[in-house]
Amino acid sequence: MLTEAQFFDVLRQGLWVSVIISAPVLAIALIVGLTIGLFQALTSIQEMTLTFVPKVAAMLGVFWVSMTFMSRTLTNFWVEGIIPLVVGG
């Protein structure tokens, strides 16, 4: 039987895993967004696709590169955290 403390501990671990997994993609989105925003401010170019397309391309690239890290982190969370609770161990 899952106690309230175990439930909140698993919930806390799950939220932490989601933060760790999303950090590379969000960090690159922030860096690219700030860089393009600075470039737009310096050149007075206010084109919407100039901010959207490079940011999405960089996020997809980082997602592709960090996919192994993300899947390994999620697998470890499930194998070490969720499955033992379901089995009852």
C-alpha atoms as a PDB file:
ATOM      1  CA  MET A   1       0.000   0.000   0.000  1.00  0.00           C
ATOM      2  CA  LEU A   2       1.344   3.390  -1.016  1.00  0.00           C
ATOM      3  CA  THR A   3       1.481   5.790   1.905  1.00  0.00           C
ATOM      4  CA  GLU A   4       0.976   9.509   1.615  1.00  0.00           C
ATOM      5  CA  ALA A   5       4.678  10.178   2.251  1.00  0.00           C
ATOM      6  CA  GLN A   6       5.706   7.731  -0.492  1.00  0.00           C
ATOM      7  CA  PHE A   7       3.230   9.303  -2.901  1.00  0.00           C
ATOM      8  CA  PHE A   8       4.594  12.804  -2.329  1.00  0.00           C
ATOM      9  CA  ASP A   9       8.172  11.533  -2.539  1.00  0.00           C
ATOM     10  CA  VAL A  10       7.497   9.903  -5.917  1.00  0.00           C
ATOM     11  CA  LEU A  11       5.694  13.047  -7.066  1.00  0.00           C
ATOM     12  CA  ARG A  12       8.672  15.183  -6.005  1.00  0.00           C
ATOM     13  CA  GLN A  13      11.086  12.851  -7.807  1.00  0.00           C
ATOM     14  CA  GLY A  14       8.929  12.918 -10.937  1.00  0.00           C
ATOM     15  CA  LEU A  15       8.850  16.700 -10.976  1.00  0.00           C
ATOM     16  CA  TRP A  16      12.619  16.837 -10.484  1.00  0.00           C
ATOM     17  CA  VAL A  17      13.130  14.396 -13.374  1.00  0.00           C
ATOM     18  CA  SER A  18      10.939  16.568 -15.593  1.00  0.00           C
ATOM     19  CA  VAL A  19      13.010  19.639 -14.675  1.00  0.00           C
ATOM     20  CA  ILE A  20      16.268  17.817 -15.423  1.00  0.00           C
ATOM     21  CA  ILE A  21      14.961  16.486 -18.740  1.00  0.00           C
ATOM     22  CA  SER A  22      13.609  19.826 -19.928  1.00  0.00           C
ATOM     23  CA  ALA A  23      16.638  21.896 -18.847  1.00  0.00           C
ATOM     24  CA  PRO A  24      18.792  21.482 -22.005  1.00  0.00           C
ATOM     25  CA  VAL A  25      15.970  22.397 -24.392  1.00  0.00           C
ATOM     26  CA  LEU A  26      14.801  25.341 -22.294  1.00  0.00           C
ATOM     27  CA  ALA A  27      18.347  26.615 -21.812  1.00  0.00           C
ATOM     28  CA  ILE A  28      19.073  26.648 -25.543  1.00  0.00           C
ATOM     29  CA  ALA A  29      15.714  28.334 -26.211  1.00  0.00           C
ATOM     30  CA  LEU A  30      16.655  31.043 -23.718  1.00  0.00           C
ATOM     31  CA  ILE A  31      20.134  31.547 -25.149  1.00  0.00           C
ATOM     32  CA  VAL A  32      18.974  31.632 -28.782  1.00  0.00           C
ATOM     33  CA  GLY A  33      16.035  33.881 -27.911  1.00  0.00           C
ATOM     34  CA  LEU A  34      18.248  36.372 -26.097  1.00  0.00           C
ATOM     35  CA  THR A  35      20.814  36.337 -28.898  1.00  0.00           C
ATOM     36  CA  ILE A  36      18.225  36.937 -31.596  1.00  0.00           C
ATOM     37  CA  GLY A  37      16.486  39.573 -29.476  1.00  0.00           C
ATOM     38  CA  LEU A  38      19.782  41.405 -29.056  1.00  0.00           C
ATOM     39  CA  PHE A  39      20.448  41.133 -32.788  1.00  0.00           C
ATOM     40  CA  GLN A  40      16.973  42.521 -33.555  1.00  0.00           C
ATOM     41  CA  ALA A  41      17.439  45.377 -31.118  1.00  0.00           C
ATOM     42  CA  LEU A  42      20.797  46.287 -32.639  1.00  0.00           C
ATOM     43  CA  THR A  43      19.629  46.128 -36.259  1.00  0.00           C
ATOM     44  CA  SER A  44      15.999  47.271 -35.823  1.00  0.00           C
ATOM     45  CA  ILE A  45      14.777  44.213 -37.752  1.00  0.00           C
ATOM     46  CA  GLN A  46      11.388  43.181 -36.370  1.00  0.00           C
ATOM     47  CA  GLU A  47      10.610  40.033 -38.338  1.00  0.00           C
ATOM     48  CA  MET A  48       8.669  37.345 -36.430  1.00  0.00           C
ATOM     49  CA  THR A  49      10.075  34.414 -38.384  1.00  0.00           C
ATOM     50  CA  LEU A  50      13.581  35.571 -37.482  1.00  0.00           C
ATOM     51  CA  THR A  51      12.867  34.688 -33.844  1.00  0.00           C
ATOM     52  CA  PHE A  52      10.766  31.574 -34.390  1.00  0.00           C
ATOM     53  CA  VAL A  53      12.623  29.507 -36.988  1.00  0.00           C
ATOM     54  CA  PRO A  54      16.151  29.580 -35.484  1.00  0.00           C
ATOM     55  CA  LYS A  55      14.805  28.970 -31.993  1.00  0.00           C
ATOM     56  CA  VAL A  56      12.800  25.929 -33.096  1.00  0.00           C
ATOM     57  CA  ALA A  57      15.740  24.610 -35.126  1.00  0.00           C
ATOM     58  CA  ALA A  58      18.102  24.969 -32.164  1.00  0.00           C
ATOM     59  CA  MET A  59      15.607  23.323 -29.818  1.00  0.00           C
ATOM     60  CA  LEU A  60      15.155  20.394 -32.197  1.00  0.00           C
ATOM     61  CA  GLY A  61      18.914  20.017 -32.515  1.00  0.00           C
ATOM     62  CA  VAL A  62      19.433  19.998 -28.746  1.00  0.00           C
ATOM     63  CA  PHE A  63      16.513  17.601 -28.326  1.00  0.00           C
ATOM     64  CA  TRP A  64      18.051  15.231 -30.856  1.00  0.00           C
ATOM     65  CA  VAL A  65      21.482  15.422 -29.199  1.00  0.00           C
ATOM     66  CA  SER A  66      20.154  14.987 -25.640  1.00  0.00           C
ATOM     67  CA  MET A  67      17.588  12.302 -26.467  1.00  0.00           C
ATOM     68  CA  THR A  68      19.841   9.558 -25.050  1.00  0.00           C
ATOM     69  CA  PHE A  69      20.231  11.450 -21.775  1.00  0.00           C
ATOM     70  CA  MET A  70      16.492  12.049 -21.564  1.00  0.00           C
ATOM     71  CA  SER A  71      15.520   8.442 -22.229  1.00  0.00           C
ATOM     72  CA  ARG A  72      18.161   7.139 -19.792  1.00  0.00           C
ATOM     73  CA  THR A  73      16.913   9.494 -17.063  1.00  0.00           C
ATOM     74  CA  LEU A  74      13.283   8.493 -17.590  1.00  0.00           C
ATOM     75  CA  THR A  75      14.148   4.799 -17.712  1.00  0.00           C
ATOM     76  CA  ASN A  76      16.115   5.044 -14.457  1.00  0.00           C
ATOM     77  CA  PHE A  77      13.217   6.866 -12.795  1.00  0.00           C
ATOM     78  CA  TRP A  78      10.769   4.153 -13.833  1.00  0.00           C
ATOM     79  CA  VAL A  79      13.028   1.189 -13.058  1.00  0.00           C
ATOM     80  CA  GLU A  80      14.284   2.508  -9.705  1.00  0.00           C
ATOM     81  CA  GLY A  81      11.256   4.507  -8.560  1.00  0.00           C
ATOM     82  CA  ILE A  82       7.947   3.490 -10.061  1.00  0.00           C
ATOM     83  CA  ILE A  83       8.225  -0.235 -10.822  1.00  0.00           C
ATOM     84  CA  PRO A  84       9.296  -1.231  -7.277  1.00  0.00           C
ATOM     85  CA  LEU A  85       6.257   0.608  -5.909  1.00  0.00           C
ATOM     86  CA  VAL A  86       3.939  -1.154  -8.348  1.00  0.00           C
ATOM     87  CA  VAL A  87       5.457  -4.565  -7.592  1.00  0.00           C
ATOM     88  CA  GLY A  88       5.323  -3.828  -3.871  1.00  0.00           C
ATOM     89  CA  GLY A  89       9.003  -3.876  -3.023  1.00  0.00           C
END
